[in-house]
C-alpha atoms as a PDB file:
ATOM      1  CA  MET A   1      76.676 117.522 121.335  1.00  0.00           C
ATOM      2  CA  SER A   2      75.268 116.378 124.643  1.00  0.00           C
ATOM      3  CA  LEU A   3      74.270 112.936 125.829  1.00  0.00           C
ATOM      4  CA  LYS A   4      71.276 112.254 128.047  1.00  0.00           C
ATOM      5  CA  ASN A   5      70.955 108.767 129.489  1.00  0.00           C
ATOM      6  CA  HIS A   6      67.507 107.544 130.499  1.00  0.00           C
ATOM      7  CA  GLY A   7      68.158 103.938 131.540  1.00  0.00           C
ATOM      8  CA  SER A   8      68.823 102.035 128.320  1.00  0.00           C
ATOM      9  CA  THR A   9      67.615 104.937 126.148  1.00  0.00           C
ATOM     10  CA  VAL A  10      70.296 107.304 124.890  1.00  0.00           C
ATOM     11  CA  VAL A  11      69.289 110.668 123.467  1.00  0.00           C
ATOM     12  CA  TYR A  12      71.831 112.779 121.592  1.00  0.00           C
ATOM     13  CA  THR A  13      71.289 116.486 121.154  1.00  0.00           C
ATOM     14  CA  THR A  14      73.272 118.698 118.833  1.00  0.00           C
ATOM     15  CA  PRO A  15      74.583 122.256 119.222  1.00  0.00           C
ATOM     16  CA  LYS A  16      72.960 125.223 117.468  1.00  0.00           C
ATOM     17  CA  GLN A  17      75.182 125.028 114.357  1.00  0.00           C
ATOM     18  CA  GLU A  18      73.975 121.452 113.728  1.00  0.00           C
ATOM     19  CA  GLU A  19      70.229 122.107 114.088  1.00  0.00           C
ATOM     20  CA  SER A  20      69.563 120.732 110.607  1.00  0.00           C
ATOM     21  CA  LEU A  21      70.655 117.282 111.818  1.00  0.00           C
ATOM     22  CA  ALA A  22      67.978 114.946 113.163  1.00  0.00           C
ATOM     23  CA  ASN A  23      68.134 113.524 116.659  1.00  0.00           C
ATOM     24  CA  VAL A  24      67.660 109.774 116.989  1.00  0.00           C
ATOM     25  CA  THR A  25      66.572 107.856 120.068  1.00  0.00           C
ATOM     26  CA  VAL A  26      67.789 104.265 120.299  1.00  0.00           C
ATOM     27  CA  LYS A  27      66.890 101.682 122.927  1.00  0.00           C
ATOM     28  CA  VAL A  28      69.687  99.245 123.732  1.00  0.00           C
ATOM     29  CA  ASP A  29      70.505  96.806 126.474  1.00  0.00           C
ATOM     30  CA  ASP A  30      72.387  98.427 129.376  1.00  0.00           C
ATOM     31  CA  GLU A  31      75.332  96.021 129.070  1.00  0.00           C
ATOM     32  CA  LEU A  32      75.562  96.610 125.314  1.00  0.00           C
ATOM     33  CA  LEU A  33      75.505 100.356 125.882  1.00  0.00           C
ATOM     34  CA  ALA A  34      78.258 100.137 128.489  1.00  0.00           C
ATOM     35  CA  LYS A  35      80.434  98.037 126.159  1.00  0.00           C
ATOM     36  CA  ALA A  36      79.783 100.436 123.259  1.00  0.00           C
ATOM     37  CA  ARG A  37      80.745 103.432 125.380  1.00  0.00           C
ATOM     38  CA  TRP A  38      83.920 101.670 126.510  1.00  0.00           C
ATOM     39  CA  LEU A  39      84.841 100.774 122.909  1.00  0.00           C
ATOM     40  CA  ALA A  40      84.124 104.305 121.724  1.00  0.00           C
ATOM     41  CA  ALA A  41      86.427 105.660 124.431  1.00  0.00           C
ATOM     42  CA  GLN A  42      89.145 103.165 123.441  1.00  0.00           C
ATOM     43  CA  HIS A  43      88.878 104.424 119.847  1.00  0.00           C
ATOM     44  CA  LYS A  44      88.842 108.052 121.028  1.00  0.00           C
ATOM     45  CA  THR A  45      85.452 108.686 119.435  1.00  0.00           C
ATOM     46  CA  SER A  46      81.813 109.037 120.450  1.00  0.00           C
ATOM     47  CA  LEU A  47      78.824 106.766 120.140  1.00  0.00           C
ATOM     48  CA  ASN A  48      77.267 109.454 117.978  1.00  0.00           C
ATOM     49  CA  ALA A  49      80.187 109.272 115.537  1.00  0.00           C
ATOM     50  CA  ILE A  50      80.029 105.473 115.455  1.00  0.00           C
ATOM     51  CA  VAL A  51      76.268 105.404 114.825  1.00  0.00           C
ATOM     52  CA  LYS A  52      76.573 108.103 112.143  1.00  0.00           C
ATOM     53  CA  GLN A  53      79.361 106.162 110.417  1.00  0.00           C
ATOM     54  CA  LYS A  54      77.396 102.898 110.492  1.00  0.00           C
ATOM     55  CA  ILE A  55      74.296 104.578 109.041  1.00  0.00           C
ATOM     56  CA  GLU A  56      76.448 106.127 106.298  1.00  0.00           C
ATOM     57  CA  GLU A  57      77.960 102.702 105.524  1.00  0.00           C
ATOM     58  CA  PHE A  58      74.488 101.114 105.494  1.00  0.00           C
ATOM     59  CA  VAL A  59      73.166 103.687 103.030  1.00  0.00           C
ATOM     60  CA  ALA A  60      76.329 103.599 100.881  1.00  0.00           C
ATOM     61  CA  THR A  61      76.080  99.804 100.597  1.00  0.00           C
ATOM     62  CA  ASP A  62      72.521 100.095  99.320  1.00  0.00           C
ATOM     63  CA  LEU A  63      73.491 102.872  96.904  1.00  0.00           C
ATOM     64  CA  ARG A  64      76.319 100.695  95.517  1.00  0.00           C
ATOM     65  CA  ARG A  65      73.888  97.778  95.121  1.00  0.00           C
ATOM     66  CA  GLU A  66      71.386  99.973  93.290  1.00  0.00           C
ATOM     67  CA  SER A  67      74.151 101.339  91.066  1.00  0.00           C
ATOM     68  CA  ALA A  68      75.353  97.819  90.244  1.00  0.00           C
ATOM     69  CA  ILE A  69      71.825  96.770  89.316  1.00  0.00           C
ATOM     70  CA  ARG A  70      71.421  99.812  87.056  1.00  0.00           C
ATOM     71  CA  GLY A  71      74.783  99.017  85.449  1.00  0.00           C
ATOM     72  CA  LEU A  72      73.754  95.427  84.770  1.00  0.00           C
ATOM     73  CA  GLU A  73      70.420  96.555  83.342  1.00  0.00           C
ATOM     74  CA  GLU A  74      72.209  99.013  81.052  1.00  0.00           C
ATOM     75  CA  LEU A  75      74.689  96.320  79.984  1.00  0.00           C
ATOM     76  CA  TYR A  76      71.803  93.993  79.132  1.00  0.00           C
ATOM     77  CA  ARG A  77      70.046  96.732  77.122  1.00  0.00           C
ATOM     78  CA  ARG A  78      73.227  97.446  75.116  1.00  0.00           C
ATOM     79  CA  SER A  79      74.147  93.800  74.678  1.00  0.00           C
ATOM     80  CA  ARG A  80      73.259  91.897  71.515  1.00  0.00           C
ATOM     81  CA  ALA A  81      72.824  88.701  73.480  1.00  0.00           C
ATOM     82  CA  ARG A  82      69.242  87.627  73.941  1.00  0.00           C
ATOM     83  CA  VAL A  83      67.697  84.760  75.781  1.00  0.00           C
ATOM     84  CA  GLY A  84      65.958  82.414  73.384  1.00  0.00           C
ATOM     85  CA  LYS A  85      63.486  79.631  73.875  1.00  0.00           C
ATOM     86  CA  HIS A  86      64.963  76.903  76.042  1.00  0.00           C
ATOM     87  CA  THR A  87      65.094  73.519  74.372  1.00  0.00           C
ATOM     88  CA  TRP A  88      66.498  71.546  77.271  1.00  0.00           C
ATOM     89  CA  SER A  89      65.138  70.071  80.440  1.00  0.00           C
ATOM     90  CA  ARG A  90      66.511  70.319  83.923  1.00  0.00           C
ATOM     91  CA  ASP A  91      67.230  66.584  83.905  1.00  0.00           C
ATOM     92  CA  GLU A  92      69.279  66.908  80.689  1.00  0.00           C
ATOM     93  CA  ILE A  93      71.432  69.625  82.228  1.00  0.00           C
ATOM     94  CA  HIS A  94      72.144  67.516  85.315  1.00  0.00           C
ATOM     95  CA  GLU A  95      72.794  64.245  83.461  1.00  0.00           C
ATOM     96  CA  ARG A  96      76.053  62.591  84.419  1.00  0.00           C
END
């Protein structure tokens, strides 16, 4: 992997064996980039690894949410409980 810095634009390129991976260009503030590079070095990793991990976490979170929704929908379909006609008013529910 190589890193090319064009001001606040960082371009990552990958070696031949990783050609199936997409390259991503990200524009970030110079100070933010410097801090991110410093933190990556402190954690003995690369910005590429950090960005890849965060994208994986982002996608995994959405996949878990979608799975939870499907599970709830399936639970509702299998459940015998049904919502009937409501015979109460909002004011009655909040009466003290």
